[in-house]
């Protein structure tokens, strides 16, 4: 059974992975994919 500090470290690691997906960054996050899809949709739709 891991101790409390090990558990907290694991939770912080998970949180960092989630935050990586929520904000624009290197182009590999979920947010980047959504932004790219929105830009492509805007190009297709225009005004």
ModelCIF file with pLDDT and N, C-alpha, C, O atoms, coordinates in Angstrom:
data_MODEL
#
_entry.id   MODEL 
#
_entity.id                         1 
_entity.type                       polymer 
_entity.pdbx_number_of_molecules   1 
#
_entity_poly.entity_id                      1 
_entity_poly.type                           'polypeptide(L)' 
_entity_poly.nstd_linkage                   no 
_entity_poly.nstd_monomer                   no 
_entity_poly.pdbx_seq_one_letter_code       
;(UNK)(UNK)(UNK)(UNK)(UNK)(UNK)(UNK)(UNK)(UNK)(UNK)(UNK)(UNK)(UNK)(UNK)(UNK)(UNK)
(UNK)(UNK)(UNK)(UNK)(UNK)(UNK)(UNK)(UNK)(UNK)(UNK)(UNK)(UNK)(UNK)(UNK)(UNK)(UNK)
(UNK)(UNK)(UNK)(UNK)(UNK)(UNK)(UNK)(UNK)(UNK)(UNK)(UNK)(UNK)(UNK)(UNK)(UNK)
;
_entity_poly.pdbx_seq_one_letter_code_can   XXXXXXXXXXXXXXXXXXXXXXXXXXXXXXXXXXXXXXXXXXXXXXX 
_entity_poly.pdbx_strand_id                 A 
#
loop_
_entity_poly_seq.entity_id 
_entity_poly_seq.num 
_entity_poly_seq.mon_id 
_entity_poly_seq.hetero 
1 1  UNK n 
1 2  UNK n 
1 3  UNK n 
1 4  UNK n 
1 5  UNK n 
1 6  UNK n 
1 7  UNK n 
1 8  UNK n 
1 9  UNK n 
1 10 UNK n 
1 11 UNK n 
1 12 UNK n 
1 13 UNK n 
1 14 UNK n 
1 15 UNK n 
1 16 UNK n 
1 17 UNK n 
1 18 UNK n 
1 19 UNK n 
1 20 UNK n 
1 21 UNK n 
1 22 UNK n 
1 23 UNK n 
1 24 UNK n 
1 25 UNK n 
1 26 UNK n 
1 27 UNK n 
1 28 UNK n 
1 29 UNK n 
1 30 UNK n 
1 31 UNK n 
1 32 UNK n 
1 33 UNK n 
1 34 UNK n 
1 35 UNK n 
1 36 UNK n 
1 37 UNK n 
1 38 UNK n 
1 39 UNK n 
1 40 UNK n 
1 41 UNK n 
1 42 UNK n 
1 43 UNK n 
1 44 UNK n 
1 45 UNK n 
1 46 UNK n 
1 47 UNK n 
#
_struct_asym.id          A 
_struct_asym.entity_id   1 
#
loop_
_ma_qa_metric.id 
_ma_qa_metric.mode 
_ma_qa_metric.name 
_ma_qa_metric.software_group_id 
_ma_qa_metric.type 
1 global pLDDT . pLDDT 
2 local  pLDDT . pLDDT 
#
_ma_qa_metric_global.metric_id      1 
_ma_qa_metric_global.metric_value   86.19 
_ma_qa_metric_global.model_id       1 
_ma_qa_metric_global.ordinal_id     1 
#
loop_
_ma_qa_metric_local.label_asym_id 
_ma_qa_metric_local.label_comp_id 
_ma_qa_metric_local.label_seq_id 
_ma_qa_metric_local.metric_id 
_ma_qa_metric_local.metric_value 
_ma_qa_metric_local.model_id 
_ma_qa_metric_local.ordinal_id 
A UNK 1  2 87.00 1 1  
A UNK 2  2 90.00 1 2  
A UNK 3  2 89.00 1 3  
A UNK 4  2 90.00 1 4  
A UNK 5  2 90.00 1 5  
A UNK 6  2 91.00 1 6  
A UNK 7  2 91.00 1 7  
A UNK 8  2 92.00 1 8  
A UNK 9  2 93.00 1 9  
A UNK 10 2 93.00 1 10 
A UNK 11 2 95.00 1 11 
A UNK 12 2 95.00 1 12 
A UNK 13 2 94.00 1 13 
A UNK 14 2 94.00 1 14 
A UNK 15 2 93.00 1 15 
A UNK 16 2 91.00 1 16 
A UNK 17 2 89.00 1 17 
A UNK 18 2 89.00 1 18 
A UNK 19 2 87.00 1 19 
A UNK 20 2 85.00 1 20 
A UNK 21 2 86.00 1 21 
A UNK 22 2 86.00 1 22 
A UNK 23 2 85.00 1 23 
A UNK 24 2 85.00 1 24 
A UNK 25 2 82.00 1 25 
A UNK 26 2 79.00 1 26 
A UNK 27 2 82.00 1 27 
A UNK 28 2 82.00 1 28 
A UNK 29 2 85.00 1 29 
A UNK 30 2 88.00 1 30 
A UNK 31 2 87.00 1 31 
A UNK 32 2 88.00 1 32 
A UNK 33 2 88.00 1 33 
A UNK 34 2 89.00 1 34 
A UNK 35 2 88.00 1 35 
A UNK 36 2 88.00 1 36 
A UNK 37 2 88.00 1 37 
A UNK 38 2 85.00 1 38 
A UNK 39 2 85.00 1 39 
A UNK 40 2 87.00 1 40 
A UNK 41 2 82.00 1 41 
A UNK 42 2 79.00 1 42 
A UNK 43 2 81.00 1 43 
A UNK 44 2 76.00 1 44 
A UNK 45 2 72.00 1 45 
A UNK 46 2 66.00 1 46 
A UNK 47 2 64.00 1 47 
#
loop_
_atom_site.group_PDB 
_atom_site.id 
_atom_site.type_symbol 
_atom_site.label_atom_id 
_atom_site.label_alt_id 
_atom_site.label_comp_id 
_atom_site.label_asym_id 
_atom_site.label_entity_id 
_atom_site.label_seq_id 
_atom_site.pdbx_PDB_ins_code 
_atom_site.Cartn_x 
_atom_site.Cartn_y 
_atom_site.Cartn_z 
_atom_site.occupancy 
_atom_site.B_iso_or_equiv 
_atom_site.pdbx_formal_charge 
_atom_site.auth_seq_id 
_atom_site.auth_comp_id 
_atom_site.auth_asym_id 
_atom_site.auth_atom_id 
_atom_site.pdbx_PDB_model_num 
ATOM 1   N N  . UNK A 1 1  ? 0.866   -1.183 0.000   1.00 87.00 ? 1  UNK A N  1 
ATOM 2   C CA . UNK A 1 1  ? 0.000   0.000  0.000   1.00 87.00 ? 1  UNK A CA 1 
ATOM 3   C C  . UNK A 1 1  ? 0.893   1.220  0.000   1.00 87.00 ? 1  UNK A C  1 
ATOM 4   O O  . UNK A 1 1  ? 1.694   1.398  0.918   1.00 87.00 ? 1  UNK A O  1 
ATOM 5   N N  . UNK A 1 2  ? 0.771   2.079  -1.027  1.00 90.00 ? 2  UNK A N  1 
ATOM 6   C CA . UNK A 1 2  ? 1.625   3.274  -1.052  1.00 90.00 ? 2  UNK A CA 1 
ATOM 7   C C  . UNK A 1 2  ? 1.208   4.265  0.028   1.00 90.00 ? 2  UNK A C  1 
ATOM 8   O O  . UNK A 1 2  ? 0.061   4.279  0.474   1.00 90.00 ? 2  UNK A O  1 
ATOM 9   N N  . UNK A 1 3  ? 2.158   5.083  0.433   1.00 89.00 ? 3  UNK A N  1 
ATOM 10  C CA . UNK A 1 3  ? 1.890   6.097  1.448   1.00 89.00 ? 3  UNK A CA 1 
ATOM 11  C C  . UNK A 1 3  ? 1.199   7.306  0.844   1.00 89.00 ? 3  UNK A C  1 
ATOM 12  O O  . UNK A 1 3  ? 0.988   7.377  -0.367  1.00 89.00 ? 3  UNK A O  1 
ATOM 13  N N  . UNK A 1 4  ? 0.850   8.248  1.697   1.00 90.00 ? 4  UNK A N  1 
ATOM 14  C CA . UNK A 1 4  ? 0.094   9.418  1.268   1.00 90.00 ? 4  UNK A CA 1 
ATOM 15  C C  . UNK A 1 4  ? 0.875   10.271 0.270   1.00 90.00 ? 4  UNK A C  1 
ATOM 16  O O  . UNK A 1 4  ? 0.291   10.762 -0.696  1.00 90.00 ? 4  UNK A O  1 
ATOM 17  N N  . UNK A 1 5  ? 2.167   10.458 0.476   1.00 90.00 ? 5  UNK A N  1 
ATOM 18  C CA . UNK A 1 5  ? 2.947   11.289 -0.442  1.00 90.00 ? 5  UNK A CA 1 
ATOM 19  C C  . UNK A 1 5  ? 3.037   10.652 -1.829  1.00 90.00 ? 5  UNK A C  1 
ATOM 20  O O  . UNK A 1 5  ? 3.004   11.356 -2.838  1.00 90.00 ? 5  UNK A O  1 
ATOM 21  N N  . UNK A 1 6  ? 3.152   9.328  -1.883  1.00 91.00 ? 6  UNK A N  1 
ATOM 22  C CA . UNK A 1 6  ? 3.168   8.659  -3.187  1.00 91.00 ? 6  UNK A CA 1 
ATOM 23  C C  . UNK A 1 6  ? 1.820   8.831  -3.890  1.00 91.00 ? 6  UNK A C  1 
ATOM 24  O O  . UNK A 1 6  ? 1.765   9.057  -5.099  1.00 91.00 ? 6  UNK A O  1 
ATOM 25  N N  . UNK A 1 7  ? 0.746   8.723  -3.127  1.00 91.00 ? 7  UNK A N  1 
ATOM 26  C CA . UNK A 1 7  ? -0.586  8.896  -3.714  1.00 91.00 ? 7  UNK A CA 1 
ATOM 27  C C  . UNK A 1 7  ? -0.772  10.320 -4.238  1.00 91.00 ? 7  UNK A C  1 
ATOM 28  O O  . UNK A 1 7  ? -1.308  10.513 -5.329  1.00 91.00 ? 7  UNK A O  1 
ATOM 29  N N  . UNK A 1 8  ? -0.335  11.309 -3.471  1.00 92.00 ? 8  UNK A N  1 
ATOM 30  C CA . UNK A 1 8  ? -0.468  12.702 -3.894  1.00 92.00 ? 8  UNK A CA 1 
ATOM 31  C C  . UNK A 1 8  ? 0.367   12.947 -5.154  1.00 92.00 ? 8  UNK A C  1 
ATOM 32  O O  . UNK A 1 8  ? -0.076  13.653 -6.059  1.00 92.00 ? 8  UNK A O  1 
ATOM 33  N N  . UNK A 1 9  ? 1.570   12.370 -5.219  1.00 93.00 ? 9  UNK A N  1 
ATOM 34  C CA . UNK A 1 9  ? 2.409   12.522 -6.417  1.00 93.00 ? 9  UNK A CA 1 
ATOM 35  C C  . UNK A 1 9  ? 1.714   11.935 -7.639  1.00 93.00 ? 9  UNK A C  1 
ATOM 36  O O  . UNK A 1 9  ? 1.750   12.520 -8.722  1.00 93.00 ? 9  UNK A O  1 
ATOM 37  N N  . UNK A 1 10 ? 1.091   10.793 -7.463  1.00 93.00 ? 10 UNK A N  1 
ATOM 38  C CA . UNK A 1 10 ? 0.373   10.168 -8.579  1.00 93.00 ? 10 UNK A CA 1 
ATOM 39  C C  . UNK A 1 10 ? -0.802  11.039 -9.030  1.00 93.00 ? 10 UNK A C  1 
ATOM 40  O O  . UNK A 1 10 ? -1.042  11.187 -10.228 1.00 93.00 ? 10 UNK A O  1 
ATOM 41  N N  . UNK A 1 11 ? -1.522  11.607 -8.085  1.00 95.00 ? 11 UNK A N  1 
ATOM 42  C CA . UNK A 1 11 ? -2.651  12.487 -8.424  1.00 95.00 ? 11 UNK A CA 1 
ATOM 43  C C  . UNK A 1 11 ? -2.151  13.730 -9.151  1.00 95.00 ? 11 UNK A C  1 
ATOM 44  O O  . UNK A 1 11 ? -2.775  14.173 -10.115 1.00 95.00 ? 11 UNK A O  1 
ATOM 45  N N  . UNK A 1 12 ? -1.032  14.298 -8.702  1.00 95.00 ? 12 UNK A N  1 
ATOM 46  C CA . UNK A 1 12 ? -0.476  15.478 -9.375  1.00 95.00 ? 12 UNK A CA 1 
ATOM 47  C C  . UNK A 1 12 ? -0.055  15.140 -10.799 1.00 95.00 ? 12 UNK A C  1 
ATOM 48  O O  . UNK A 1 12 ? -0.252  15.946 -11.709 1.00 95.00 ? 12 UNK A O  1 
ATOM 49  N N  . UNK A 1 13 ? 0.524   13.954 -11.005 1.00 94.00 ? 13 UNK A N  1 
ATOM 50  C CA . UNK A 1 13 ? 0.898   13.538 -12.357 1.00 94.00 ? 13 UNK A CA 1 
ATOM 51  C C  . UNK A 1 13 ? -0.314  13.416 -13.265 1.00 94.00 ? 13 UNK A C  1 
ATOM 52  O O  . UNK A 1 13 ? -0.284  13.849 -14.417 1.00 94.00 ? 13 UNK A O  1 
ATOM 53  N N  . UNK A 1 14 ? -1.381  12.823 -12.740 1.00 94.00 ? 14 UNK A N  1 
ATOM 54  C CA . UNK A 1 14 ? -2.616  12.719 -13.532 1.00 94.00 ? 14 UNK A CA 1 
ATOM 55  C C  . UNK A 1 14 ? -3.158  14.101 -13.864 1.00 94.00 ? 14 UNK A C  1 
ATOM 56  O O  . UNK A 1 14 ? -3.600  14.344 -14.987 1.00 94.00 ? 14 UNK A O  1 
ATOM 57  N N  . UNK A 1 15 ? -3.126  15.003 -12.896 1.00 93.00 ? 15 UNK A N  1 
ATOM 58  C CA . UNK A 1 15 ? -3.636  16.351 -13.117 1.00 93.00 ? 15 UNK A CA 1 
ATOM 59  C C  . UNK A 1 15 ? -2.827  17.074 -14.182 1.00 93.00 ? 15 UNK A C  1 
ATOM 60  O O  . UNK A 1 15 ? -3.396  17.801 -14.997 1.00 93.00 ? 15 UNK A O  1 
ATOM 61  N N  . UNK A 1 16 ? -1.513  16.890 -14.190 1.00 91.00 ? 16 UNK A N  1 
ATOM 62  C CA . UNK A 1 16 ? -0.679  17.516 -15.224 1.00 91.00 ? 16 UNK A CA 1 
ATOM 63  C C  . UNK A 1 16 ? -1.042  16.992 -16.605 1.00 91.00 ? 16 UNK A C  1 
ATOM 64  O O  . UNK A 1 16 ? -1.081  17.754 -17.570 1.00 91.00 ? 16 UNK A O  1 
ATOM 65  N N  . UNK A 1 17 ? -1.310  15.683 -16.703 1.00 89.00 ? 17 UNK A N  1 
ATOM 66  C CA . UNK A 1 17 ? -1.699  15.124 -18.006 1.00 89.00 ? 17 UNK A CA 1 
ATOM 67  C C  . UNK A 1 17 ? -3.045  15.687 -18.465 1.00 89.00 ? 17 UNK A C  1 
ATOM 68  O O  . UNK A 1 17 ? -3.233  15.943 -19.654 1.00 89.00 ? 17 UNK A O  1 
ATOM 69  N N  . UNK A 1 18 ? -3.965  15.879 -17.547 1.00 89.00 ? 18 UNK A N  1 
ATOM 70  C CA . UNK A 1 18 ? -5.270  16.451 -17.904 1.00 89.00 ? 18 UNK A CA 1 
ATOM 71  C C  . UNK A 1 18 ? -5.099  17.907 -18.326 1.00 89.00 ? 18 UNK A C  1 
ATOM 72  O O  . UNK A 1 18 ? -5.671  18.329 -19.331 1.00 89.00 ? 18 UNK A O  1 
ATOM 73  N N  . UNK A 1 19 ? -4.321  18.678 -17.572 1.00 87.00 ? 19 UNK A N  1 
ATOM 74  C CA . UNK A 1 19 ? -4.099  20.084 -17.927 1.00 87.00 ? 19 UNK A CA 1 
ATOM 75  C C  . UNK A 1 19 ? -3.412  20.209 -19.281 1.00 87.00 ? 19 UNK A C  1 
ATOM 76  O O  . UNK A 1 19 ? -3.680  21.151 -20.025 1.00 87.00 ? 19 UNK A O  1 
ATOM 77  N N  . UNK A 1 20 ? -2.541  19.281 -19.602 1.00 85.00 ? 20 UNK A N  1 
ATOM 78  C CA . UNK A 1 20 ? -1.869  19.308 -20.903 1.00 85.00 ? 20 UNK A CA 1 
ATOM 79  C C  . UNK A 1 20 ? -2.894  19.210 -22.040 1.00 85.00 ? 20 UNK A C  1 
ATOM 80  O O  . UNK A 1 20 ? -2.710  19.805 -23.102 1.00 85.00 ? 20 UNK A O  1 
ATOM 81  N N  . UNK A 1 21 ? -3.959  18.463 -21.810 1.00 86.00 ? 21 UNK A N  1 
ATOM 82  C CA . UNK A 1 21 ? -4.975  18.297 -22.846 1.00 86.00 ? 21 UNK A CA 1 
ATOM 83  C C  . UNK A 1 21 ? -5.934  19.474 -22.926 1.00 86.00 ? 21 UNK A C  1 
ATOM 84  O O  . UNK A 1 21 ? -6.586  19.650 -23.956 1.00 86.00 ? 21 UNK A O  1 
ATOM 85  N N  . UNK A 1 22 ? -6.044  20.277 -21.894 1.00 86.00 ? 22 UNK A N  1 
ATOM 86  C CA . UNK A 1 22 ? -7.055  21.336 -21.855 1.00 86.00 ? 22 UNK A CA 1 
ATOM 87  C C  . UNK A 1 22 ? -6.603  22.673 -22.415 1.00 86.00 ? 22 UNK A C  1 
ATOM 88  O O  . UNK A 1 22 ? -7.445  23.514 -22.730 1.00 86.00 ? 22 UNK A O  1 
ATOM 89  N N  . UNK A 1 23 ? -5.311  22.896 -22.550 1.00 85.00 ? 23 UNK A N  1 
ATOM 90  C CA . UNK A 1 23 ? -4.816  24.192 -22.997 1.00 85.00 ? 23 UNK A CA 1 
ATOM 91  C C  . UNK A 1 23 ? -3.969  24.037 -24.248 1.00 85.00 ? 23 UNK A C  1 
ATOM 92  O O  . UNK A 1 23 ? -3.324  23.006 -24.441 1.00 85.00 ? 23 UNK A O  1 
ATOM 93  N N  . UNK A 1 24 ? -3.968  25.061 -25.103 1.00 85.00 ? 24 UNK A N  1 
ATOM 94  C CA . UNK A 1 24 ? -3.131  24.995 -26.299 1.00 85.00 ? 24 UNK A CA 1 
ATOM 95  C C  . UNK A 1 24 ? -1.658  24.899 -25.905 1.00 85.00 ? 24 UNK A C  1 
ATOM 96  O O  . UNK A 1 24 ? -1.181  25.610 -25.020 1.00 85.00 ? 24 UNK A O  1 
ATOM 97  N N  . UNK A 1 25 ? -0.955  23.996 -26.592 1.00 82.00 ? 25 UNK A N  1 
ATOM 98  C CA . UNK A 1 25 ? 0.467   23.865 -26.270 1.00 82.00 ? 25 UNK A CA 1 
ATOM 99  C C  . UNK A 1 25 ? 1.229   23.403 -27.511 1.00 82.00 ? 25 UNK A C  1 
ATOM 100 O O  . UNK A 1 25 ? 1.334   24.168 -28.470 1.00 82.00 ? 25 UNK A O  1 
ATOM 101 N N  . UNK A 1 26 ? 1.746   22.223 -27.528 1.00 79.00 ? 26 UNK A N  1 
ATOM 102 C CA . UNK A 1 26 ? 2.642   21.763 -28.583 1.00 79.00 ? 26 UNK A CA 1 
ATOM 103 C C  . UNK A 1 26 ? 1.921   21.295 -29.847 1.00 79.00 ? 26 UNK A C  1 
ATOM 104 O O  . UNK A 1 26 ? 2.574   20.884 -30.807 1.00 79.00 ? 26 UNK A O  1 
ATOM 105 N N  . UNK A 1 27 ? 0.621   21.349 -29.864 1.00 82.00 ? 27 UNK A N  1 
ATOM 106 C CA . UNK A 1 27 ? -0.118  20.877 -31.019 1.00 82.00 ? 27 UNK A CA 1 
ATOM 107 C C  . UNK A 1 27 ? -0.621  19.453 -30.856 1.00 82.00 ? 27 UNK A C  1 
ATOM 108 O O  . UNK A 1 27 ? -1.287  18.924 -31.746 1.00 82.00 ? 27 UNK A O  1 
ATOM 109 N N  . UNK A 1 28 ? -0.310  18.835 -29.737 1.00 82.00 ? 28 UNK A N  1 
ATOM 110 C CA . UNK A 1 28 ? -0.731  17.445 -29.539 1.00 82.00 ? 28 UNK A CA 1 
ATOM 111 C C  . UNK A 1 28 ? -1.836  17.299 -28.510 1.00 82.00 ? 28 UNK A C  1 
ATOM 112 O O  . UNK A 1 28 ? -2.220  16.177 -28.182 1.00 82.00 ? 28 UNK A O  1 
ATOM 113 N N  . UNK A 1 29 ? -2.357  18.405 -27.991 1.00 85.00 ? 29 UNK A N  1 
ATOM 114 C CA . UNK A 1 29 ? -3.400  18.301 -26.974 1.00 85.00 ? 29 UNK A CA 1 
ATOM 115 C C  . UNK A 1 29 ? -4.780  18.263 -27.622 1.00 85.00 ? 29 UNK A C  1 
ATOM 116 O O  . UNK A 1 29 ? -4.953  18.586 -28.797 1.00 85.00 ? 29 UNK A O  1 
ATOM 117 N N  . UNK A 1 30 ? -5.734  17.864 -26.826 1.00 88.00 ? 30 UNK A N  1 
ATOM 118 C CA . UNK A 1 30 ? -7.120  17.846 -27.285 1.00 88.00 ? 30 UNK A CA 1 
ATOM 119 C C  . UNK A 1 30 ? -7.575  19.260 -27.641 1.00 88.00 ? 30 UNK A C  1 
ATOM 120 O O  . UNK A 1 30 ? -8.296  19.447 -28.622 1.00 88.00 ? 30 UNK A O  1 
ATOM 121 N N  . UNK A 1 31 ? -7.169  20.246 -26.865 1.00 87.00 ? 31 UNK A N  1 
ATOM 122 C CA . UNK A 1 31 ? -7.544  21.635 -27.158 1.00 87.00 ? 31 UNK A CA 1 
ATOM 123 C C  . UNK A 1 31 ? -6.992  22.072 -28.511 1.00 87.00 ? 31 UNK A C  1 
ATOM 124 O O  . UNK A 1 31 ? -7.683  22.756 -29.265 1.00 87.00 ? 31 UNK A O  1 
ATOM 125 N N  . UNK A 1 32 ? -5.755  21.686 -28.828 1.00 88.00 ? 32 UNK A N  1 
ATOM 126 C CA . UNK A 1 32 ? -5.182  22.026 -30.129 1.00 88.00 ? 32 UNK A CA 1 
ATOM 127 C C  . UNK A 1 32 ? -5.972  21.381 -31.265 1.00 88.00 ? 32 UNK A C  1 
ATOM 128 O O  . UNK A 1 32 ? -6.187  21.999 -32.308 1.00 88.00 ? 32 UNK A O  1 
ATOM 129 N N  . UNK A 1 33 ? -6.401  20.138 -31.056 1.00 88.00 ? 33 UNK A N  1 
ATOM 130 C CA . UNK A 1 33 ? -7.180  19.450 -32.085 1.00 88.00 ? 33 UNK A CA 1 
ATOM 131 C C  . UNK A 1 33 ? -8.533  20.133 -32.299 1.00 88.00 ? 33 UNK A C  1 
ATOM 132 O O  . UNK A 1 33 ? -8.987  20.273 -33.435 1.00 88.00 ? 33 UNK A O  1 
ATOM 133 N N  . UNK A 1 34 ? -9.165  20.552 -31.223 1.00 89.00 ? 34 UNK A N  1 
ATOM 134 C CA . UNK A 1 34 ? -10.453 21.249 -31.347 1.00 89.00 ? 34 UNK A CA 1 
ATOM 135 C C  . UNK A 1 34 ? -10.263 22.592 -32.040 1.00 89.00 ? 34 UNK A C  1 
ATOM 136 O O  . UNK A 1 34 ? -11.060 22.961 -32.903 1.00 89.00 ? 34 UNK A O  1 
ATOM 137 N N  . UNK A 1 35 ? -9.212  23.328 -31.669 1.00 88.00 ? 35 UNK A N  1 
ATOM 138 C CA . UNK A 1 35 ? -8.941  24.611 -32.318 1.00 88.00 ? 35 UNK A CA 1 
ATOM 139 C C  . UNK A 1 35 ? -8.670  24.423 -33.810 1.00 88.00 ? 35 UNK A C  1 
ATOM 140 O O  . UNK A 1 35 ? -9.139  25.211 -34.631 1.00 88.00 ? 35 UNK A O  1 
ATOM 141 N N  . UNK A 1 36 ? -7.918  23.389 -34.158 1.00 88.00 ? 36 UNK A N  1 
ATOM 142 C CA . UNK A 1 36 ? -7.624  23.126 -35.568 1.00 88.00 ? 36 UNK A CA 1 
ATOM 143 C C  . UNK A 1 36 ? -8.911  22.777 -36.325 1.00 88.00 ? 36 UNK A C  1 
ATOM 144 O O  . UNK A 1 36 ? -9.110  23.232 -37.452 1.00 88.00 ? 36 UNK A O  1 
ATOM 145 N N  . UNK A 1 37 ? -9.782  21.970 -35.708 1.00 88.00 ? 37 UNK A N  1 
ATOM 146 C CA . UNK A 1 37 ? -11.048 21.629 -36.356 1.00 88.00 ? 37 UNK A CA 1 
ATOM 147 C C  . UNK A 1 37 ? -11.908 22.879 -36.538 1.00 88.00 ? 37 UNK A C  1 
ATOM 148 O O  . UNK A 1 37 ? -12.564 23.033 -37.568 1.00 88.00 ? 37 UNK A O  1 
ATOM 149 N N  . UNK A 1 38 ? -11.911 23.774 -35.545 1.00 85.00 ? 38 UNK A N  1 
ATOM 150 C CA . UNK A 1 38 ? -12.684 25.014 -35.676 1.00 85.00 ? 38 UNK A CA 1 
ATOM 151 C C  . UNK A 1 38 ? -12.134 25.899 -36.794 1.00 85.00 ? 38 UNK A C  1 
ATOM 152 O O  . UNK A 1 38 ? -12.904 26.508 -37.536 1.00 85.00 ? 38 UNK A O  1 
ATOM 153 N N  . UNK A 1 39 ? -10.816 25.973 -36.917 1.00 85.00 ? 39 UNK A N  1 
ATOM 154 C CA . UNK A 1 39 ? -10.236 26.791 -37.994 1.00 85.00 ? 39 UNK A CA 1 
ATOM 155 C C  . UNK A 1 39 ? -10.587 26.203 -39.361 1.00 85.00 ? 39 UNK A C  1 
ATOM 156 O O  . UNK A 1 39 ? -10.913 26.942 -40.291 1.00 85.00 ? 39 UNK A O  1 
ATOM 157 N N  . UNK A 1 40 ? -10.523 24.896 -39.483 1.00 87.00 ? 40 UNK A N  1 
ATOM 158 C CA . UNK A 1 40 ? -10.861 24.261 -40.769 1.00 87.00 ? 40 UNK A CA 1 
ATOM 159 C C  . UNK A 1 40 ? -12.333 24.462 -41.095 1.00 87.00 ? 40 UNK A C  1 
ATOM 160 O O  . UNK A 1 40 ? -12.688 24.708 -42.248 1.00 87.00 ? 40 UNK A O  1 
ATOM 161 N N  . UNK A 1 41 ? -13.192 24.357 -40.080 1.00 82.00 ? 41 UNK A N  1 
ATOM 162 C CA . UNK A 1 41 ? -14.618 24.586 -40.304 1.00 82.00 ? 41 UNK A CA 1 
ATOM 163 C C  . UNK A 1 41 ? -14.864 26.026 -40.732 1.00 82.00 ? 41 UNK A C  1 
ATOM 164 O O  . UNK A 1 41 ? -15.697 26.282 -41.601 1.00 82.00 ? 41 UNK A O  1 
ATOM 165 N N  . UNK A 1 42 ? -14.151 26.957 -40.133 1.00 79.00 ? 42 UNK A N  1 
ATOM 166 C CA . UNK A 1 42 ? -14.292 28.353 -40.509 1.00 79.00 ? 42 UNK A CA 1 
ATOM 167 C C  . UNK A 1 42 ? -13.836 28.574 -41.951 1.00 79.00 ? 42 UNK A C  1 
ATOM 168 O O  . UNK A 1 42 ? -14.438 29.367 -42.675 1.00 79.00 ? 42 UNK A O  1 
ATOM 169 N N  . UNK A 1 43 ? -12.786 27.885 -42.369 1.00 81.00 ? 43 UNK A N  1 
ATOM 170 C CA . UNK A 1 43 ? -12.332 28.003 -43.762 1.00 81.00 ? 43 UNK A CA 1 
ATOM 171 C C  . UNK A 1 43 ? -13.383 27.451 -44.715 1.00 81.00 ? 43 UNK A C  1 
ATOM 172 O O  . UNK A 1 43 ? -13.602 28.004 -45.793 1.00 81.00 ? 43 UNK A O  1 
ATOM 173 N N  . UNK A 1 44 ? -14.030 26.368 -44.319 1.00 76.00 ? 44 UNK A N  1 
ATOM 174 C CA . UNK A 1 44 ? -15.038 25.771 -45.190 1.00 76.00 ? 44 UNK A CA 1 
ATOM 175 C C  . UNK A 1 44 ? -16.305 26.620 -45.256 1.00 76.00 ? 44 UNK A C  1 
ATOM 176 O O  . UNK A 1 44 ? -16.893 26.790 -46.324 1.00 76.00 ? 44 UNK A O  1 
ATOM 177 N N  . UNK A 1 45 ? -16.717 27.146 -44.112 1.00 72.00 ? 45 UNK A N  1 
ATOM 178 C CA . UNK A 1 45 ? -17.968 27.904 -44.060 1.00 72.00 ? 45 UNK A CA 1 
ATOM 179 C C  . UNK A 1 45 ? -17.805 29.337 -44.540 1.00 72.00 ? 45 UNK A C  1 
ATOM 180 O O  . UNK A 1 45 ? -18.693 29.882 -45.195 1.00 72.00 ? 45 UNK A O  1 
ATOM 181 N N  . UNK A 1 46 ? -16.685 29.939 -44.220 1.00 66.00 ? 46 UNK A N  1 
ATOM 182 C CA . UNK A 1 46 ? -16.495 31.341 -44.576 1.00 66.00 ? 46 UNK A CA 1 
ATOM 183 C C  . UNK A 1 46 ? -17.436 32.217 -43.784 1.00 66.00 ? 46 UNK A C  1 
ATOM 184 O O  . UNK A 1 46 ? -17.637 31.993 -42.591 1.00 66.00 ? 46 UNK A O  1 
ATOM 185 N N  . UNK A 1 47 ? -18.032 33.236 -44.444 1.00 64.00 ? 47 UNK A N  1 
ATOM 186 C CA . UNK A 1 47 ? -18.902 34.164 -43.715 1.00 64.00 ? 47 UNK A CA 1 
ATOM 187 C C  . UNK A 1 47 ? -20.222 33.531 -43.300 1.00 64.00 ? 47 UNK A C  1 
ATOM 188 O O  . UNK A 1 47 ? -21.055 34.192 -42.679 1.00 64.00 ? 47 UNK A O  1 
#
